[in-house]
Amino acid sequence: MKQNKYDDPGFFENYSKMPRSINGLNAAGEWRELRALLPDLNDQRVLDLGCGFGWHCRYAREQSARSVVGVDLSANMLARAREITNDPAIEYRQLAMEDIDFHGEEFDVVISSLAIHYVENFDSICSKIHHCLTLGGTFVLSVEHPVFTARAAQDWYYGPQGERLHWPVDDYQDEGQRQTRFLDNDVVKYHRTVATYINALIAAGFTITKLSEPQPSPEMLAEHPDMRDELRRPIFLMIAAVKYEAV
């Protein structure tokens, strides 16, 4: 299923009000960790899958990437991306990431941030990305952590006074579709275990170079004490992988 929730006017309006939608990467709590996984982008050909408003595309060009292609299924997202982008070296294409069909070794770096958990067939995505990456090319992705996606409720277990007692994990090994609530809308996500993410990348021919389960920095906790609960369970999983061999 190719989900295009961001072209729903109400959903898109709510998404556009999120801090990360207004202030970009600096408002994304996980950005510091994701940035650390990226290779040197100087003179690299970059592909961003699920590019949204194009924040990572513009960052890549700020780091002197040679060219950037941003792919997203949502016309609304791409319209906003084009509106705030003034760079002929960045191209935006409306396309489901499941449907990418780029030439072999067309890119040096592929990025996908918080988009792949909306995609049903991760194996196919991995194969297509491996195909379009040059030898030595890097794939960096972030997804909602499987501890977070295991239960469709995606919420804490609360005590009688509304206190957050613990984060429940159940049905972890039962992979597949989850209908969750996000921005007051029903949204379909796909739960996979950590092992499935890793093994799919390995099967596609990638070598895993680093994993990250980011947590708020001391600076963020000092500024936003309410984020301390984010230390109690991981919310994101990030993976860096390299194509060392053709398959």
Foldseek 3Di string as FASTA:
>chain_A
DQDAVCQPVLLVVLVCPDPCNVPNLVSDQCNVVLVVLDDQQAQWEEEEEQCFLPRVVVVSVVSHHQAYEYEEQYPVRVVNNVVPDDDPRYHYDRDHLLPDDDAFQQGQEYEYEAPCQQPFDPLSSLLRVLRNHDAFGKYKYKHWALQQPQAQASDADADPVRHRDARDHPNSVVWAWHFHADSNDTGIGTHDHPVVVVVSNVVSQKDWDDKDQDAGDPVVCVVPVVSPCCVRDGGMIMTMIGRNDDD
